[in-house]
Protein backbone atom coordinates (compact mmCIF):
# COMPACT_ATOMS: atom_id res chain seq x y z
CA UNK A 1 31.98 10.62 -4.75
CA UNK A 2 28.18 10.72 -5.02
CA UNK A 3 25.45 8.25 -5.70
CA UNK A 4 24.40 7.98 -9.31
CA UNK A 5 20.59 8.11 -9.53
CA UNK A 6 18.60 6.58 -12.33
CA UNK A 7 16.19 9.19 -13.66
CA UNK A 8 14.35 10.10 -16.80
CA UNK A 9 15.55 10.17 -20.34
CA UNK A 10 14.76 13.74 -21.22
CA UNK A 11 17.43 15.63 -19.36
CA UNK A 12 20.36 13.59 -18.17
CA UNK A 13 22.15 16.71 -17.06
CA UNK A 14 19.67 17.06 -14.22
CA UNK A 15 20.08 13.51 -12.98
CA UNK A 16 19.99 13.27 -9.21
CA UNK A 17 19.32 17.02 -8.88
CA UNK A 18 17.41 17.97 -5.73
CA UNK A 19 16.14 21.52 -5.53
CA UNK A 20 14.29 23.80 -3.15
CA UNK A 21 10.93 25.42 -3.91
CA UNK A 22 12.68 28.17 -5.90
CA UNK A 23 14.44 25.63 -8.12
CA UNK A 24 17.88 26.22 -6.58
CA UNK A 25 20.19 23.50 -5.23
CA UNK A 26 19.09 22.64 -1.71
CA UNK A 27 20.68 23.93 1.47
CA UNK A 28 20.57 20.79 3.60
CA UNK A 29 20.77 22.82 6.81
CA UNK A 30 17.48 24.58 5.96
CA UNK A 31 15.52 21.93 4.06
CA UNK A 32 14.55 18.31 4.40
CA UNK A 33 15.02 16.08 7.41
CA UNK A 34 12.41 15.10 9.98
CA UNK A 35 10.73 18.53 10.12
CA UNK A 36 9.92 18.53 6.40
CA UNK A 37 8.99 14.83 6.44
CA UNK A 38 6.68 15.41 9.40
CA UNK A 39 4.82 18.24 7.68
CA UNK A 40 4.40 16.08 4.58
CA UNK A 41 3.20 13.04 6.50
CA UNK A 42 0.50 15.18 8.13
CA UNK A 43 -1.44 14.70 4.87
CA UNK A 44 -1.29 10.92 5.19
CA UNK A 45 -2.18 11.18 8.89
CA UNK A 46 -5.32 13.13 8.01
CA UNK A 47 -6.15 10.82 5.10
CA UNK A 48 -5.89 7.87 7.45
CA UNK A 49 -8.20 9.56 9.97
CA UNK A 50 -10.76 10.13 7.20
CA UNK A 51 -10.54 6.68 5.63
CA UNK A 52 -10.45 4.72 8.87
CA UNK A 53 -13.31 6.81 10.23
CA UNK A 54 -15.29 5.78 7.16
CA UNK A 55 -14.27 2.16 6.52
CA UNK A 56 -14.31 0.82 10.08
CA UNK A 57 -17.89 1.91 10.76
CA UNK A 58 -19.51 2.28 7.33
CA UNK A 59 -20.96 -1.24 7.36
CA UNK A 60 -23.07 -0.44 10.44
CA UNK A 61 -24.54 2.60 8.64
CA UNK A 62 -25.27 0.62 5.49
CA UNK A 63 -27.00 -2.21 7.38
CA UNK A 64 -28.64 -0.19 10.15
CA UNK A 65 -29.66 3.05 8.41
CA UNK A 66 -29.81 2.19 4.71
CA UNK A 67 -31.15 -1.35 5.33
CA UNK A 68 -28.73 -2.99 2.88
CA UNK A 69 -27.96 -6.73 3.30
CA UNK A 70 -24.83 -7.81 5.18
CA UNK A 71 -23.14 -9.35 2.13
CA UNK A 72 -23.91 -6.35 -0.10
CA UNK A 73 -22.78 -3.91 2.61
CA UNK A 74 -19.48 -5.78 2.98
CA UNK A 75 -19.01 -5.58 -0.79
CA UNK A 76 -19.66 -1.81 -0.82
CA UNK A 77 -17.02 -1.28 1.88
CA UNK A 78 -14.40 -3.54 0.29
CA UNK A 79 -15.00 -2.04 -3.18
CA UNK A 80 -14.50 1.46 -1.74
CA UNK A 81 -11.24 0.43 -0.08
CA UNK A 82 -10.17 -1.45 -3.20
CA UNK A 83 -10.81 1.57 -5.43
CA UNK A 84 -8.95 3.86 -3.03
CA UNK A 85 -5.80 1.78 -3.17
CA UNK A 86 -6.08 0.99 -6.88
CA UNK A 87 -6.29 4.71 -7.66
CA UNK A 88 -2.86 4.93 -6.04
CA UNK A 89 -1.48 3.72 -9.39
CA UNK A 90 -3.07 6.73 -11.10
CA UNK A 91 -1.64 9.06 -8.46
CA UNK A 92 1.83 7.56 -8.88
CA UNK A 93 1.57 7.85 -12.67
CA UNK A 94 0.60 11.54 -12.56
CA UNK A 95 3.38 12.37 -10.09
CA UNK A 96 6.10 10.58 -12.05
CA UNK A 97 4.88 11.74 -15.46
CA UNK A 98 4.02 15.38 -14.99
CA UNK A 99 2.92 16.88 -11.70
CA UNK A 100 5.62 15.79 -9.27
CA UNK A 101 4.95 14.41 -5.80
CA UNK A 102 4.35 17.73 -4.04
CA UNK A 103 1.66 19.01 -6.39
CA UNK A 104 0.01 15.57 -6.61
CA UNK A 105 -0.22 15.29 -2.80
CA UNK A 106 -1.59 18.84 -2.48
CA UNK A 107 -4.27 18.31 -5.15
CA UNK A 108 -5.18 14.85 -3.84
CA UNK A 109 -5.57 16.13 -0.28
CA UNK A 110 -7.93 18.84 -1.56
CA UNK A 111 -9.99 16.24 -3.44
CA UNK A 112 -10.16 14.07 -0.30
CA UNK A 113 -11.46 17.03 1.70
CA UNK A 114 -14.18 17.56 -0.94
CA UNK A 115 -15.13 13.87 -0.81
CA UNK A 116 -15.53 13.85 2.99
CA UNK A 117 -17.60 17.05 2.82
CA UNK A 118 -19.93 15.31 0.34
CA UNK A 119 -20.11 12.29 2.67
CA UNK A 120 -21.08 14.59 5.53
CA UNK A 121 -23.97 15.87 3.42
CA UNK A 122 -24.97 12.36 2.27
CA UNK A 123 -25.33 11.13 5.85
CA UNK A 124 -26.91 14.33 7.22
CA UNK A 125 -29.68 15.15 4.72
CA UNK A 126 -32.81 13.18 5.83
CA UNK A 127 -34.02 12.57 2.27
CA UNK A 128 -30.80 10.63 1.57
CA UNK A 129 -31.97 7.82 3.89
CA UNK A 130 -34.96 5.42 3.70
CA UNK A 131 -37.66 5.58 6.43
CA UNK A 132 -36.61 4.53 9.92
CA UNK A 133 -37.07 0.82 10.63
CA UNK A 134 -37.77 -0.46 14.15
CA UNK A 135 -36.78 -3.86 15.55
CA UNK A 136 -40.20 -5.41 14.81
CA UNK A 137 -39.99 -4.58 11.09
CA UNK A 138 -36.37 -5.72 10.92
CA UNK A 139 -37.38 -9.08 12.36
CA UNK A 140 -40.08 -9.49 9.74
CA UNK A 141 -37.94 -8.18 6.86
CA UNK A 142 -40.20 -5.18 6.24
CA UNK A 143 -37.46 -2.53 6.10
CA UNK A 144 -37.23 -0.43 2.93
CA UNK A 145 -33.77 -0.52 1.35
CA UNK A 146 -32.13 2.71 0.17
CA UNK A 147 -32.93 3.46 -3.47
CA UNK A 148 -30.60 4.47 -6.29
CA UNK A 149 -31.12 8.21 -5.80
CA UNK A 150 -30.25 7.96 -2.12
CA UNK A 151 -27.16 5.89 -2.83
CA UNK A 152 -25.95 8.20 -5.65
CA UNK A 153 -24.61 10.94 -3.37
CA UNK A 154 -23.10 8.34 -1.02
CA UNK A 155 -21.23 6.68 -3.90
CA UNK A 156 -20.10 10.06 -5.29
CA UNK A 157 -18.71 10.98 -1.87
CA UNK A 158 -16.98 7.63 -1.33
CA UNK A 159 -15.29 7.53 -4.72
CA UNK A 160 -14.26 11.19 -4.62
CA UNK A 161 -12.60 10.39 -1.29
CA UNK A 162 -11.04 7.30 -2.89
CA UNK A 163 -9.64 9.35 -5.78
CA UNK A 164 -7.95 11.82 -3.45
CA UNK A 165 -6.82 9.19 -0.96
CA UNK A 166 -5.15 7.13 -3.69
CA UNK A 167 -3.13 10.15 -4.83
CA UNK A 168 -1.96 10.84 -1.28
CA UNK A 169 -1.07 7.25 -0.45
CA UNK A 170 1.04 6.65 -3.56
CA UNK A 171 3.16 9.78 -3.19
CA UNK A 172 3.37 10.90 0.41
CA UNK A 173 5.84 8.22 1.56
CA UNK A 174 8.03 8.80 -1.51
CA UNK A 175 7.90 12.59 -1.03
CA UNK A 176 8.71 12.09 2.64
CA UNK A 177 11.70 9.86 1.86
CA UNK A 178 12.93 12.50 -0.63
CA UNK A 179 13.66 14.68 2.41
CA UNK A 180 16.58 12.41 3.35
CA UNK A 181 19.87 12.12 1.45
CA UNK A 182 20.91 8.46 1.51
CA UNK A 183 24.42 9.59 0.47
CA UNK A 184 24.81 11.40 3.80
CA UNK A 185 25.63 8.89 6.59
CA UNK A 186 23.74 10.94 9.20
CA UNK A 187 20.59 11.25 7.07
CA UNK A 188 20.88 7.64 5.92
CA UNK A 189 20.76 6.57 9.56
CA UNK A 190 17.58 8.60 10.05
CA UNK A 191 16.16 7.06 6.89
CA UNK A 192 16.47 3.53 8.34
CA UNK A 193 13.60 4.21 10.76
CA UNK A 194 11.59 6.43 8.42
CA UNK A 195 9.09 3.79 7.28
CA UNK A 196 8.54 2.42 10.78
CA UNK A 197 7.95 5.87 12.28
CA UNK A 198 5.83 6.85 9.31
CA UNK A 199 3.54 3.90 9.90
CA UNK A 200 3.54 4.42 13.67
CA UNK A 201 2.38 8.01 13.17
CA UNK A 202 -0.47 7.22 10.81
CA UNK A 203 -1.54 4.37 13.06
CA UNK A 204 -2.07 6.95 15.83
CA UNK A 205 -4.42 8.72 13.42
CA UNK A 206 -6.23 5.44 12.84
CA UNK A 207 -6.59 4.96 16.60
CA UNK A 208 -8.15 8.42 16.94
CA UNK A 209 -10.57 7.60 14.11
CA UNK A 210 -11.82 4.27 15.47
CA UNK A 211 -12.15 5.47 19.08
CA UNK A 212 -13.22 9.10 18.89
CA UNK A 213 -14.82 9.49 15.46
CA UNK A 214 -16.67 6.17 15.53
CA UNK A 215 -18.12 7.05 18.94
CA UNK A 216 -19.23 10.46 17.63
CA UNK A 217 -20.78 8.84 14.54
CA UNK A 218 -22.80 6.37 16.62
CA UNK A 219 -23.77 8.61 19.54
CA UNK A 220 -23.76 12.20 18.29
CA UNK A 221 -24.36 11.92 14.56
CA UNK A 222 -22.74 10.72 11.36
CA UNK A 223 -22.56 14.27 10.09
CA UNK A 224 -20.53 15.40 13.09
CA UNK A 225 -18.11 12.48 12.76
CA UNK A 226 -17.49 13.01 9.04
CA UNK A 227 -17.48 16.80 9.47
CA UNK A 228 -14.57 16.58 11.91
CA UNK A 229 -12.71 14.41 9.35
CA UNK A 230 -13.32 17.04 6.65
CA UNK A 231 -11.96 19.84 8.87
CA UNK A 232 -8.90 17.72 9.68
CA UNK A 233 -8.21 17.25 5.96
CA UNK A 234 -8.55 20.98 5.23
CA UNK A 235 -6.05 21.75 8.01
CA UNK A 236 -3.65 19.15 6.58
CA UNK A 237 -3.75 20.86 3.16
CA UNK A 238 -2.96 24.21 4.78
CA UNK A 239 -0.04 22.74 6.78
CA UNK A 240 1.36 21.01 3.67
CA UNK A 241 1.33 24.24 1.67
CA UNK A 242 2.77 26.35 4.52
CA UNK A 243 5.71 23.94 4.78
CA UNK A 244 6.73 24.46 1.14
CA UNK A 245 9.98 26.44 1.89
CA UNK A 246 11.35 23.53 3.94
CA UNK A 247 10.88 20.77 1.35
CA UNK A 248 13.32 19.18 -1.07
CA UNK A 249 11.93 18.52 -4.53
CA UNK A 250 12.82 16.07 -7.29
CA UNK A 251 11.45 17.03 -10.68
CA UNK A 252 9.27 14.51 -12.55
CA UNK A 253 11.25 12.78 -15.28
CA UNK A 254 8.48 11.31 -17.41
CA UNK A 255 6.20 8.36 -16.87
CA UNK A 256 7.96 5.11 -16.01
CA UNK A 257 4.92 3.25 -17.37
CA UNK A 258 5.84 4.58 -20.81
CA UNK A 259 9.29 3.05 -20.44
CA UNK A 260 7.85 -0.27 -19.31
CA UNK A 261 5.42 -0.78 -22.17
CA UNK A 262 7.91 0.62 -24.72
CA UNK A 263 10.59 -1.89 -23.71
CA UNK A 264 8.04 -4.73 -23.82
CA UNK A 265 6.80 -3.58 -27.24
CA UNK A 266 10.31 -3.30 -28.70
CA UNK A 267 11.32 -6.69 -27.29
CA UNK A 268 8.26 -8.24 -28.94
CA UNK A 269 8.90 -6.39 -32.19
CA UNK A 270 12.50 -7.63 -32.31
CA UNK A 271 11.77 -11.16 -31.10
CA UNK A 272 13.33 -12.67 -34.24
CA UNK A 273 16.57 -10.70 -33.91
CA UNK A 274 19.59 -12.80 -32.84
CA UNK A 275 21.21 -11.96 -29.51
CA UNK A 276 24.56 -10.14 -29.79
CA UNK A 277 27.68 -12.11 -28.95
CA UNK A 278 28.18 -10.05 -25.79
CA UNK A 279 25.90 -7.72 -23.78
CA UNK A 280 28.38 -4.87 -24.33
CA UNK A 281 27.06 -4.67 -27.91
CA UNK A 282 23.64 -3.60 -26.63
CA UNK A 283 22.62 0.04 -26.97
CA UNK A 284 24.25 2.46 -24.48
CA UNK A 285 25.85 -0.38 -22.53
CA UNK A 286 28.87 1.72 -21.53
CA UNK A 287 26.65 4.41 -20.02
CA UNK A 288 24.35 2.07 -18.07
CA UNK A 289 23.29 3.36 -14.66
CA UNK A 290 22.53 -0.07 -13.18
CA UNK A 291 24.36 -3.41 -13.48
CA UNK A 292 23.42 -5.67 -16.37
CA UNK A 293 21.64 -8.91 -15.33
CA UNK A 294 21.05 -12.02 -17.46
CA UNK A 295 17.56 -12.72 -16.10
CA UNK A 296 14.60 -12.10 -18.44
CA UNK A 297 17.07 -12.07 -21.29
CA UNK A 298 14.28 -11.80 -23.87
CA UNK A 299 13.94 -8.14 -22.87
CA UNK A 300 17.52 -7.50 -24.01
CA UNK A 301 16.23 -7.58 -27.58
CA UNK A 302 14.67 -4.17 -26.99
CA UNK A 303 18.24 -2.80 -26.78
CA UNK A 304 19.59 -4.54 -29.90
CA UNK A 305 21.01 -2.12 -32.47
CA UNK A 306 19.61 -3.33 -35.78
CA UNK A 307 20.02 -1.80 -39.24
CA UNK A 308 17.33 0.80 -38.55
CA UNK A 309 19.33 2.08 -35.59
CA UNK A 310 22.76 1.91 -37.17
CA UNK A 311 23.00 5.66 -37.55
CA UNK A 312 24.30 7.39 -34.44
CA UNK A 313 21.32 9.71 -34.29
CA UNK A 314 18.90 6.79 -34.18
CA UNK A 315 20.56 5.30 -31.09
CA UNK A 316 18.92 8.03 -29.05
CA UNK A 317 15.46 7.40 -30.44
CA UNK A 318 13.63 5.48 -27.66
CA UNK A 319 10.90 4.42 -30.09
CA UNK A 320 13.42 2.45 -32.17
CA UNK A 321 15.79 1.08 -29.54
CA UNK A 322 15.88 1.06 -25.73
CA UNK A 323 18.94 1.61 -23.61
CA UNK A 324 20.38 -1.09 -21.36
CA UNK A 325 19.43 1.06 -18.36
CA UNK A 326 15.76 1.13 -19.37
CA UNK A 327 15.74 -2.61 -20.05
CA UNK A 328 17.25 -3.34 -16.64
CA UNK A 329 14.71 -1.09 -14.95
CA UNK A 330 11.87 -3.02 -16.56
CA UNK A 331 13.49 -6.24 -15.36
CA UNK A 332 13.44 -4.82 -11.83
CA UNK A 333 9.69 -4.18 -12.11
CA UNK A 334 9.01 -7.70 -13.41
CA UNK A 335 10.99 -9.15 -10.49
CA UNK A 336 8.51 -7.50 -8.11
CA UNK A 337 5.43 -9.20 -9.56
CA UNK A 338 5.75 -12.68 -7.94
CA UNK A 339 6.02 -11.13 -4.47
CA UNK A 340 3.24 -8.68 -5.41
CA UNK A 341 0.90 -11.55 -6.21
CA UNK A 342 1.45 -13.28 -2.85
CA UNK A 343 0.83 -10.09 -0.84
CA UNK A 344 -2.77 -9.80 -2.06
CA UNK A 345 -4.32 -12.45 0.20
CA UNK A 346 -3.00 -10.77 3.35
CA UNK A 347 -5.22 -7.78 2.59
CA UNK A 348 -8.15 -10.05 1.74
CA UNK A 349 -7.90 -11.36 5.31
CA UNK A 350 -7.36 -7.86 6.69
CA UNK A 351 -10.54 -6.62 4.97
CA UNK A 352 -12.62 -8.89 7.20
CA UNK A 353 -11.71 -6.60 10.13
CA UNK A 354 -13.74 -3.82 8.48
CA UNK A 355 -16.77 -5.92 7.56
CA UNK A 356 -17.78 -9.23 9.15
CA UNK A 357 -15.79 -8.72 12.35
CA UNK A 358 -17.60 -5.42 12.94
CA UNK A 359 -20.92 -7.19 12.27
CA UNK A 360 -19.95 -9.86 14.81
CA UNK A 361 -19.34 -7.14 17.39
CA UNK A 362 -22.82 -5.65 16.85
CA UNK A 363 -24.52 -8.83 18.14
CA UNK A 364 -22.08 -9.54 21.00
CA UNK A 365 -21.97 -8.19 24.55
CA UNK A 366 -20.25 -4.77 24.37
CA UNK A 367 -21.06 -3.21 27.74
CA UNK A 368 -18.57 -2.09 30.36
CA UNK A 369 -20.80 -1.12 33.27
CA UNK A 370 -23.43 1.12 31.73
CA UNK A 371 -21.25 2.18 28.81
CA UNK A 372 -21.80 0.44 25.45
CA UNK A 373 -18.71 0.33 23.25
CA UNK A 374 -19.55 1.07 19.57
CA UNK A 375 -18.99 -1.99 17.39
CA UNK A 376 -16.69 -0.07 15.06
CA UNK A 377 -14.52 1.07 17.99
CA UNK A 378 -13.33 -2.48 18.58
CA UNK A 379 -11.05 -1.81 15.62
CA UNK A 380 -9.02 0.24 18.10
CA UNK A 381 -7.52 -3.05 19.29
CA UNK A 382 -6.32 -3.68 15.75
CA UNK A 383 -4.53 -0.31 15.77
CA UNK A 384 -3.14 -0.84 19.29
CA UNK A 385 -1.68 -4.15 18.13
CA UNK A 386 -0.11 -2.41 15.13
CA UNK A 387 1.39 0.32 17.34
CA UNK A 388 2.70 -2.26 19.81
CA UNK A 389 4.43 -4.41 17.22
CA UNK A 390 5.72 -1.42 15.24
CA UNK A 391 7.39 -0.19 18.44
CA UNK A 392 8.71 -3.67 19.23
CA UNK A 393 10.14 -3.90 15.70
CA UNK A 394 12.15 -0.71 16.13
CA UNK A 395 13.17 -1.14 19.77
CA UNK A 396 13.58 -4.92 20.07
CA UNK A 397 13.23 -7.16 16.98
CA UNK A 398 15.40 -5.14 14.57
CA UNK A 399 18.28 -4.47 17.04
CA UNK A 400 18.24 -8.15 18.09
CA UNK A 401 18.22 -9.31 14.47
CA UNK A 402 21.14 -6.97 13.71
CA UNK A 403 23.23 -8.59 16.41
CA UNK A 404 22.40 -12.06 15.14
CA UNK A 405 22.67 -11.47 11.38
CA UNK A 406 25.11 -8.50 11.30
CA UNK A 407 22.76 -7.02 8.69
CA UNK A 408 22.08 -3.24 9.09
CA UNK A 409 18.42 -3.87 8.19
CA UNK A 410 18.10 -6.55 10.84
CA UNK A 411 14.92 -8.07 9.42
CA UNK A 412 14.74 -7.95 5.62
CA UNK A 413 11.61 -6.71 3.89
CA UNK A 414 10.74 -10.22 2.66
CA UNK A 415 11.14 -11.65 6.16
CA UNK A 416 8.75 -9.00 7.46
CA UNK A 417 6.19 -9.91 4.80
CA UNK A 418 6.51 -13.63 5.59
CA UNK A 419 5.94 -13.03 9.31
CA UNK A 420 2.89 -10.93 8.46
CA UNK A 421 1.43 -13.74 6.34
CA UNK A 422 1.85 -16.24 9.17
CA UNK A 423 0.03 -13.93 11.60
CA UNK A 424 -2.85 -13.50 9.12
CA UNK A 425 -3.37 -17.26 8.80
CA UNK A 426 -3.31 -17.64 12.60
CA UNK A 427 -5.88 -14.83 12.86
CA UNK A 428 -8.36 -16.64 10.60
CA UNK A 429 -7.94 -19.91 12.51
CA UNK A 430 -8.65 -18.05 15.76
CA UNK A 431 -11.59 -16.18 14.18
CA UNK A 432 -13.17 -19.42 12.92
CA UNK A 433 -12.94 -21.12 16.32
CA UNK A 434 -14.35 -18.11 18.19
CA UNK A 435 -17.24 -17.58 15.74
CA UNK A 436 -18.26 -21.24 16.02
CA UNK A 437 -18.35 -20.98 19.82
CA UNK A 438 -20.16 -17.63 19.70
CA UNK A 439 -22.91 -18.91 17.42
CA UNK A 440 -23.43 -22.15 19.36
CA UNK A 441 -23.76 -20.30 22.69
CA UNK A 442 -26.06 -17.67 21.14
CA UNK A 443 -28.35 -20.32 19.58
CA UNK A 444 -28.35 -23.01 22.29
CA UNK A 445 -28.17 -20.86 25.43
CA UNK A 446 -29.48 -17.57 24.00
CA UNK A 447 -26.58 -15.78 25.64
CA UNK A 448 -24.33 -13.12 24.09
CA UNK A 449 -20.66 -13.73 24.74
CA UNK A 450 -18.29 -10.79 25.25
CA UNK A 451 -17.12 -8.96 22.13
CA UNK A 452 -13.68 -8.89 23.72
CA UNK A 453 -13.20 -12.42 22.33
CA UNK A 454 -12.75 -10.66 18.97
CA UNK A 455 -9.46 -9.28 20.31
CA UNK A 456 -7.82 -12.53 19.19
CA UNK A 457 -8.36 -11.82 15.50
CA UNK A 458 -7.83 -8.07 15.86
CA UNK A 459 -4.56 -8.64 17.73
CA UNK A 460 -3.18 -11.21 15.27
CA UNK A 461 -4.16 -9.27 12.14
CA UNK A 462 -2.74 -6.07 13.69
CA UNK A 463 0.54 -7.82 14.47
CA UNK A 464 0.62 -9.15 10.91
CA UNK A 465 -0.03 -5.70 9.46
CA UNK A 466 2.80 -4.17 11.51
CA UNK A 467 5.18 -6.55 9.74
CA UNK A 468 3.49 -6.88 6.34
CA UNK A 469 2.68 -3.20 5.67
CA UNK A 470 6.16 -1.91 6.54
CA UNK A 471 7.79 -4.87 4.78
CA UNK A 472 5.77 -4.45 1.60
CA UNK A 473 6.22 -0.65 1.49
CA UNK A 474 9.98 -0.98 2.02
CA UNK A 475 10.24 -3.82 -0.49
CA UNK A 476 8.45 -2.03 -3.32
CA UNK A 477 10.23 1.29 -2.80
CA UNK A 478 13.73 -0.16 -2.32
CA UNK A 479 13.54 -2.82 -5.01
CA UNK A 480 11.99 -0.71 -7.78
CA UNK A 481 14.10 1.55 -10.02
CA UNK A 482 14.78 4.96 -8.47
CA UNK A 483 12.83 6.81 -11.16
CA UNK A 484 9.75 4.73 -10.30
CA UNK A 485 9.42 5.48 -6.59
CA UNK A 486 5.85 6.82 -6.83
CA UNK A 487 4.78 4.09 -9.23
CA UNK A 488 6.27 1.40 -7.01
CA UNK A 489 4.30 2.78 -4.05
CA UNK A 490 1.22 2.60 -6.26
CA UNK A 491 2.14 -1.00 -7.05
CA UNK A 492 2.25 -1.75 -3.33
CA UNK A 493 -1.13 -0.06 -2.83
CA UNK A 494 -2.55 -2.15 -5.65
CA UNK A 495 -1.90 -5.28 -3.55
CA UNK A 496 -4.17 -3.77 -0.88
CA UNK A 497 -6.68 -2.88 -3.57
CA UNK A 498 -6.66 -6.36 -5.06
CA UNK A 499 -7.02 -7.83 -1.56
CA UNK A 500 -10.26 -5.92 -1.01
CA UNK A 501 -11.55 -6.78 -4.48
CA UNK A 502 -10.70 -10.46 -3.95
CA UNK A 503 -12.65 -10.27 -0.68
CA UNK A 504 -15.67 -8.90 -2.58
CA UNK A 505 -15.30 -11.67 -5.16
CA UNK A 506 -14.99 -14.39 -2.50
CA UNK A 507 -18.05 -13.08 -0.65
CA UNK A 508 -20.08 -13.14 -3.89
CA UNK A 509 -18.90 -16.64 -4.82
CA UNK A 510 -19.44 -18.08 -1.34
CA UNK A 511 -22.84 -16.37 -1.08
CA UNK A 512 -23.87 -17.94 -4.41
CA UNK A 513 -22.35 -21.40 -3.95
CA UNK A 514 -23.72 -21.88 -0.42
CA UNK A 515 -27.11 -20.42 -1.39
CA UNK A 516 -26.61 -17.69 1.24
CA UNK A 517 -26.16 -20.32 3.93
CA UNK A 518 -22.75 -19.14 5.22
CA UNK A 519 -23.10 -15.36 5.05
CA UNK A 520 -26.51 -14.29 6.30
CA UNK A 521 -27.84 -11.01 7.71
CA UNK A 522 -28.50 -12.90 10.93
CA UNK A 523 -25.07 -14.32 11.75
CA UNK A 524 -26.63 -16.72 14.25
CA UNK A 525 -28.31 -18.50 11.34
CA UNK A 526 -25.23 -18.44 9.10
CA UNK A 527 -21.85 -20.19 9.11
CA UNK A 528 -19.36 -17.34 9.07
CA UNK A 529 -16.80 -19.63 10.73
CA UNK A 530 -16.66 -21.72 7.53
CA UNK A 531 -15.79 -18.58 5.56
CA UNK A 532 -12.96 -17.87 8.02
CA UNK A 533 -11.68 -21.44 7.65
CA UNK A 534 -11.68 -20.98 3.87
CA UNK A 535 -9.53 -17.86 4.24
CA UNK A 536 -7.17 -19.70 6.61
CA UNK A 537 -6.62 -22.51 4.08
CA UNK A 538 -6.11 -20.06 1.20
CA UNK A 539 -3.74 -18.03 3.37
CA UNK A 540 -1.64 -21.09 4.22
CA UNK A 541 -1.35 -22.14 0.56
CA UNK A 542 -0.47 -18.56 -0.35
CA UNK A 543 2.30 -18.55 2.29
CA UNK A 544 3.87 -21.68 0.76
CA UNK A 545 3.90 -20.01 -2.67
CA UNK A 546 5.42 -16.89 -1.08
CA UNK A 547 8.27 -18.96 0.39
CA UNK A 548 9.10 -20.29 -3.07
CA UNK A 549 9.10 -16.83 -4.67
CA UNK A 550 11.01 -15.22 -1.78
CA UNK A 551 13.74 -17.86 -1.88
CA UNK A 552 14.29 -17.11 -5.58
CA UNK A 553 14.19 -13.32 -5.35
CA UNK A 554 17.45 -11.44 -5.90
CA UNK A 555 17.59 -8.20 -3.97
CA UNK A 556 18.41 -5.12 -6.01
CA UNK A 557 22.12 -4.42 -5.98
CA UNK A 558 23.38 -1.11 -4.61
CA UNK A 559 23.58 1.58 -7.26
CA UNK A 560 27.11 2.33 -8.44
CA UNK A 561 29.12 5.38 -7.51
CA UNK A 562 30.58 7.81 -10.00
CA UNK A 563 34.27 7.18 -10.70
CA UNK A 564 36.87 9.69 -9.59
CA UNK A 565 39.35 11.33 -11.94
CA UNK A 566 38.03 9.73 -15.10
CA UNK A 567 38.26 6.19 -13.72
CA UNK A 568 36.71 3.71 -16.15
CA UNK A 569 35.24 1.23 -13.71
CA UNK A 570 32.25 2.28 -11.65
CA UNK A 571 32.45 1.06 -8.05
CA UNK A 572 29.59 -0.04 -5.85
CA UNK A 573 28.99 1.07 -2.29
CA UNK A 574 30.76 -2.03 -0.99
CA UNK A 575 33.81 -1.47 -3.20
CA UNK A 576 32.83 -3.91 -5.96
CA UNK A 577 33.24 -2.77 -9.53
CA UNK A 578 30.11 -2.81 -11.63
CA UNK A 579 31.70 -5.64 -13.64
CA UNK A 580 32.10 -7.68 -10.43
CA UNK A 581 28.47 -6.99 -9.57
CA UNK A 582 27.32 -8.15 -12.99
CA UNK A 583 29.38 -11.33 -12.70
CA UNK A 584 27.82 -11.98 -9.30
CA UNK A 585 24.35 -11.41 -10.78
CA UNK A 586 25.11 -13.93 -13.54
CA UNK A 587 26.16 -16.55 -10.99
CA UNK A 588 23.05 -15.86 -8.92
CA UNK A 589 20.91 -16.34 -12.00
CA UNK A 590 22.20 -19.86 -12.46
CA UNK A 591 22.17 -20.60 -8.74
CA UNK A 592 25.94 -20.86 -8.19
CA UNK A 593 26.05 -18.29 -5.39
CA UNK A 594 23.57 -17.09 -2.78
CA UNK A 595 21.80 -13.75 -3.46
């Protein structure tokens, strides 16, 4: 008995087929597992080193070297990060539609390397920067801001890096998880900790970036810091390609986005068609790969067999009628959207760690003896917090939760997300209180307080990310249809993207509404604490909405197992027939049983 996988429509005979690099059925003793996954995740590790090395210290370069205003610099950083994660949708689309995850990751890593090389040039060539500005001129606002020509190469480098990084992010976790067979109890057990260990590993890369690379950028030279990142990315591409014989591959089955918009279009086109007396009269009901659910019933109309589809040949024409399987897969995607919308604000709060928090550090006391800690390196405490709580999740929280709930997952993905949201709200409350005290002491007593007070917000946001990132990644990959693994990862990344874009929008709105009174280049004359309070209130309201959506979400049911010896009823992993599962789904839809 094997798991039935839901794949593309073009070649059902290849459903669930996993092959090696020669196209032959895999030998599990020689392919996949942690070795293959580790080689693959090296690309994401290097991408994280590059991106964190850029994002966590870019604002100091924009303000200090290019003489761009604080608000505009924050917007440049958040737009870069937003574009990087939004381009994950494009990377997921290309992988699912045509290229496959392996080729998409390899090409994207190469593009990222090119982008960081361009960034090295942009920050090294003297003509790409405005004239040096000393403290006297800064005080009297006489610094010359970088012009369009000087910014052109910088933008080209940043968005080339974003294009490649988006392709890596949306596919590397899916390609890594492909190396485990969830139908094998031993590999399924390894898979349980895959996402946690994946995130722990890339967080180590982030720690290296914010401690080592940021120090090199500030004290040796930007070119050296970005040059090391470029070399790291080139090595990652070489390692990924050399590991090819050990990988397991799943062939692309066509774009899931095509299926989504086609089902929506057909449902709209057939909106006046009456519903059949029973769902079994819908197209290809008997061959469905996932249980039928009554939610979003209007989409069922896409699978209605009307007069135009009466002929047997027309039943297989996806442009005239959808199958029940495709309709149910679209329903799964729609079910993700409410949770998707409430994840955005977490990343809006997180984005402050790369912008205003770094600016706070620049005007606070950062000395330990004679050594001055770079402002961007304080982000190391964010990463340390992530590593700490990721380890605690695996070693303490999850095992404890398993004993209490008797659930193999321990903490569900939605519970992880909820905990992350709470931490993010607490972080903004702490940040607002600390900034108010910092500004008052700086203005009234003309004393710089220690930048180590910023550890409160770094620690709380880091703890929140350890829960929210893993929870969101697991949620979107597990709850989406199997054929849409890359796209669902892209959907997750789009929440990060939207969070950064919302941050840019909020900064612009607040800057305009307060007449630049809250967010000023000189933080001592601004009211950054009010901006943090605004984020805390928005985060709290967002958490209440999340609780409503989470309480109504129905987790995706386990995929059915192929029947033995011509058995008619498909049975689920827990022994339920698919008919029992559909009945349960119907009761859940009307609230008669718990999900």
